[in-house]
Amino acid sequence: MATDETNTAAVSGAGTADSPGAKRASGSTRVDRAPAVPSQSAEGGSSAGRTTIAEGVVAKVAGIAAREVAGVHALGGGGARALGAIRDAVNATDLTQGVKVEVGETQAAADLTIVVDYPAPIQEVAENVRTAVTTAITRLVGLEVVEVNIDVNDVHLPTDDSDDDESRVS
C-alpha cells in the first residue's frame, strides 16, 4: 500500500469521503471516511496503533439503546419480528434486528425501524430513540453520529397481546 489513505480505504471499504453537511449523491456515503488523526496519550506522546469498530458492534449498541426507550415495543418490520420471535424462542435474540448502520473513521449514521406502543406519542418516542441512540454511540463507541433515521413501522395495541394469550390457551 503506497499511502495511509489507500490502506484506510481498504480496511473500511470506503469510497470517496463526503464533507459533513454535504448533500449525498446516489451511491455515496453518509459518514466521513477520512483517516483519523493519531490521538495523544495522557503523557503527551502519540499513541501507536489503531482501533477499528465493526458495524455490527455499533448496530448492537444502537439496538440496545433503542429498546430501552419507553414506548418502543419492538424493532424491525413484520417479517423481521416474526423471525425474531423464533430466535427468542430458542434463546438467540438478535439485538441488531431493525437496525442498519454505516460506520466511518470518525462518524456513524443509523437507520432504525421501530414499533411504538399505543397510546405513546409517536413523535416523542422517535425523538427519544434518536437521542438515546446518539448518546449511546457517542459515549460507548466514541463516534460522532451524523444522523439517526427512525421509521415507525407499526403501532402495537395492548389488545394484540391478549389475543395472542387467548389463542395459546385454547
Protein backbone atom coordinates (compact mmCIF):
# COMPACT_ATOMS: atom_id res chain seq x y z
CA MET A 1 0.00 0.00 0.00
CA ALA A 2 1.52 3.26 -1.10
CA THR A 3 -0.20 5.64 1.31
CA ASP A 4 -2.06 5.52 4.57
CA GLU A 5 -5.17 6.78 2.77
CA THR A 6 -5.11 3.73 0.48
CA ASN A 7 -4.78 1.47 3.50
CA THR A 8 -7.69 3.18 5.25
CA ALA A 9 -9.95 2.75 2.24
CA ALA A 10 -9.06 -0.93 2.00
CA VAL A 11 -9.77 -1.58 5.68
CA SER A 12 -13.05 0.31 5.94
CA GLY A 13 -14.36 -0.48 2.48
CA ALA A 14 -14.69 3.26 1.88
CA GLY A 15 -15.08 5.05 -1.39
CA THR A 16 -14.93 8.81 -1.50
CA ALA A 17 -15.48 10.89 1.61
CA ASP A 18 -18.33 13.36 1.87
CA SER A 19 -17.85 16.51 3.86
CA PRO A 20 -20.18 16.82 6.86
CA GLY A 21 -23.39 18.54 5.82
CA ALA A 22 -22.75 17.95 2.11
CA LYS A 23 -25.65 16.70 0.05
CA ARG A 24 -25.38 12.96 -0.69
CA ALA A 25 -25.25 11.79 -4.24
CA SER A 26 -26.75 8.47 -5.19
CA GLY A 27 -24.46 5.69 -4.00
CA SER A 28 -22.30 7.93 -1.82
CA THR A 29 -21.71 7.53 1.89
CA ARG A 30 -23.27 9.45 4.76
CA VAL A 31 -20.25 9.40 7.03
CA ASP A 32 -16.78 10.90 6.90
CA ARG A 33 -14.33 8.18 5.95
CA ALA A 34 -11.18 10.32 6.13
CA PRO A 35 -8.26 8.79 8.07
CA ALA A 36 -8.28 9.53 11.78
CA VAL A 37 -5.62 11.78 13.28
CA PRO A 38 -3.40 9.90 15.77
CA SER A 39 -4.55 10.62 19.32
CA GLN A 40 -2.35 11.95 22.08
CA SER A 41 -1.77 9.81 25.17
CA ALA A 42 -2.04 11.16 28.72
CA GLU A 43 1.75 11.65 28.83
CA GLY A 44 1.59 13.90 25.77
CA GLY A 45 3.11 11.37 23.35
CA SER A 46 1.47 9.85 20.32
CA SER A 47 -0.23 6.50 20.89
CA ALA A 48 0.62 3.78 18.44
CA GLY A 49 -1.97 1.59 16.82
CA ARG A 50 -5.47 1.80 15.54
CA THR A 51 -8.89 0.72 16.75
CA THR A 52 -11.44 -0.48 14.23
CA ILE A 53 -15.03 -0.91 15.37
CA ALA A 54 -17.22 -3.23 13.30
CA GLU A 55 -20.61 -2.07 12.04
CA GLY A 56 -22.21 -4.96 13.95
CA VAL A 57 -20.92 -3.56 17.24
CA VAL A 58 -22.37 -0.12 16.52
CA ALA A 59 -25.67 -1.70 15.39
CA LYS A 60 -25.89 -3.72 18.61
CA VAL A 61 -25.24 -0.61 20.75
CA ALA A 62 -27.94 1.27 18.80
CA GLY A 63 -30.41 -1.62 19.12
CA ILE A 64 -29.93 -1.94 22.87
CA ALA A 65 -30.29 1.83 23.36
CA ALA A 66 -33.48 1.95 21.26
CA ARG A 67 -35.09 -0.96 23.11
CA GLU A 68 -34.56 0.82 26.45
CA VAL A 69 -36.73 3.80 25.40
CA ALA A 70 -40.23 3.89 26.91
CA GLY A 71 -42.87 3.44 24.22
CA VAL A 72 -40.78 1.20 21.96
CA HIS A 73 -42.48 -2.17 21.66
CA ALA A 74 -40.10 -3.81 19.17
CA LEU A 75 -37.57 -3.16 16.44
CA GLY A 76 -37.82 -4.32 12.83
CA GLY A 77 -40.54 -4.84 10.24
CA GLY A 78 -43.17 -7.57 10.28
CA GLY A 79 -41.03 -10.31 8.73
CA ALA A 80 -38.03 -9.47 10.90
CA ARG A 81 -40.21 -9.53 14.03
CA ALA A 82 -41.63 -12.95 13.08
CA LEU A 83 -38.12 -14.32 12.60
CA GLY A 84 -37.10 -12.57 15.85
CA ALA A 85 -39.88 -14.39 17.72
CA ILE A 86 -38.42 -17.70 16.56
CA ARG A 87 -34.93 -16.58 17.63
CA ASP A 88 -36.29 -15.53 21.03
CA ALA A 89 -37.92 -18.96 21.45
CA VAL A 90 -34.55 -20.66 21.05
CA ASN A 91 -32.81 -18.04 23.21
CA ALA A 92 -30.85 -16.44 20.34
CA THR A 93 -32.18 -12.85 20.35
CA ASP A 94 -30.76 -10.62 17.61
CA LEU A 95 -30.10 -7.21 19.16
CA THR A 96 -29.37 -5.70 15.73
CA GLN A 97 -32.84 -6.52 14.36
CA GLY A 98 -34.36 -3.42 12.77
CA VAL A 99 -31.05 -1.52 12.86
CA LYS A 100 -28.80 -0.60 9.96
CA VAL A 101 -25.66 1.44 10.49
CA GLU A 102 -22.94 2.95 8.38
CA VAL A 103 -19.63 3.43 10.15
CA GLY A 104 -16.75 5.61 9.03
CA GLU A 105 -13.44 6.51 10.66
CA THR A 106 -14.90 9.20 12.92
CA GLN A 107 -18.64 9.20 12.20
CA ALA A 108 -21.64 6.89 12.18
CA ALA A 109 -25.18 7.01 10.82
CA ALA A 110 -28.07 4.75 11.83
CA ASP A 111 -31.45 3.76 10.41
CA LEU A 112 -33.92 2.12 12.81
CA THR A 113 -37.33 0.57 12.22
CA ILE A 114 -39.49 0.58 15.35
CA VAL A 115 -42.94 -0.42 16.56
CA VAL A 116 -44.44 2.05 19.05
CA ASP A 117 -46.76 1.05 21.91
CA TYR A 118 -50.23 2.59 21.76
CA PRO A 119 -51.03 5.29 23.05
CA ALA A 120 -47.45 6.63 23.31
CA PRO A 121 -46.89 9.86 21.33
CA ILE A 122 -45.07 8.65 18.21
CA GLN A 123 -43.02 11.80 17.54
CA GLU A 124 -41.87 11.91 21.17
CA VAL A 125 -40.88 8.24 21.16
CA ALA A 126 -38.98 8.71 17.88
CA GLU A 127 -37.11 11.73 19.27
CA ASN A 128 -36.28 9.83 22.48
CA VAL A 129 -34.95 6.91 20.41
CA ARG A 130 -32.86 9.32 18.32
CA THR A 131 -31.40 10.88 21.48
CA ALA A 132 -30.75 7.53 23.18
CA VAL A 133 -29.03 6.04 20.11
CA THR A 134 -26.91 9.15 19.54
CA THR A 135 -25.85 9.27 23.19
CA ALA A 136 -25.03 5.54 23.33
CA ILE A 137 -22.97 5.52 20.14
CA THR A 138 -21.10 8.68 21.11
CA ARG A 139 -20.41 7.56 24.68
CA LEU A 140 -19.70 3.86 24.17
CA VAL A 141 -18.18 3.79 20.69
CA GLY A 142 -16.67 7.28 20.50
CA LEU A 143 -18.01 8.15 17.06
CA GLU A 144 -19.80 11.33 16.03
CA VAL A 145 -23.36 10.50 14.99
CA VAL A 146 -24.30 12.40 11.84
CA GLU A 147 -27.89 11.14 11.57
CA VAL A 148 -30.37 8.72 13.10
CA ASN A 149 -33.35 7.99 10.86
CA ILE A 150 -36.41 6.46 12.51
CA ASP A 151 -39.03 4.50 10.53
CA VAL A 152 -42.15 3.84 12.60
CA ASN A 153 -43.43 0.64 11.02
CA ASP A 154 -46.39 -0.18 13.26
CA VAL A 155 -48.31 0.65 16.43
CA HIS A 156 -48.69 -2.14 18.99
CA LEU A 157 -52.10 -2.31 20.65
CA PRO A 158 -52.44 -3.78 24.16
CA THR A 159 -55.26 -5.99 22.85
CA ASP A 160 -52.77 -7.64 20.46
CA ASP A 161 -51.10 -9.34 23.45
CA SER A 162 -54.38 -10.54 24.98
CA ASP A 163 -55.43 -12.06 21.61
CA ASP A 164 -52.11 -13.96 21.47
CA ASP A 165 -52.52 -15.19 25.06
CA GLU A 166 -56.08 -16.47 24.39
CA SER A 167 -55.02 -18.35 21.26
CA ARG A 168 -52.19 -20.08 23.18
CA VAL A 169 -54.58 -21.20 25.97
CA SER A 170 -57.24 -22.58 23.58
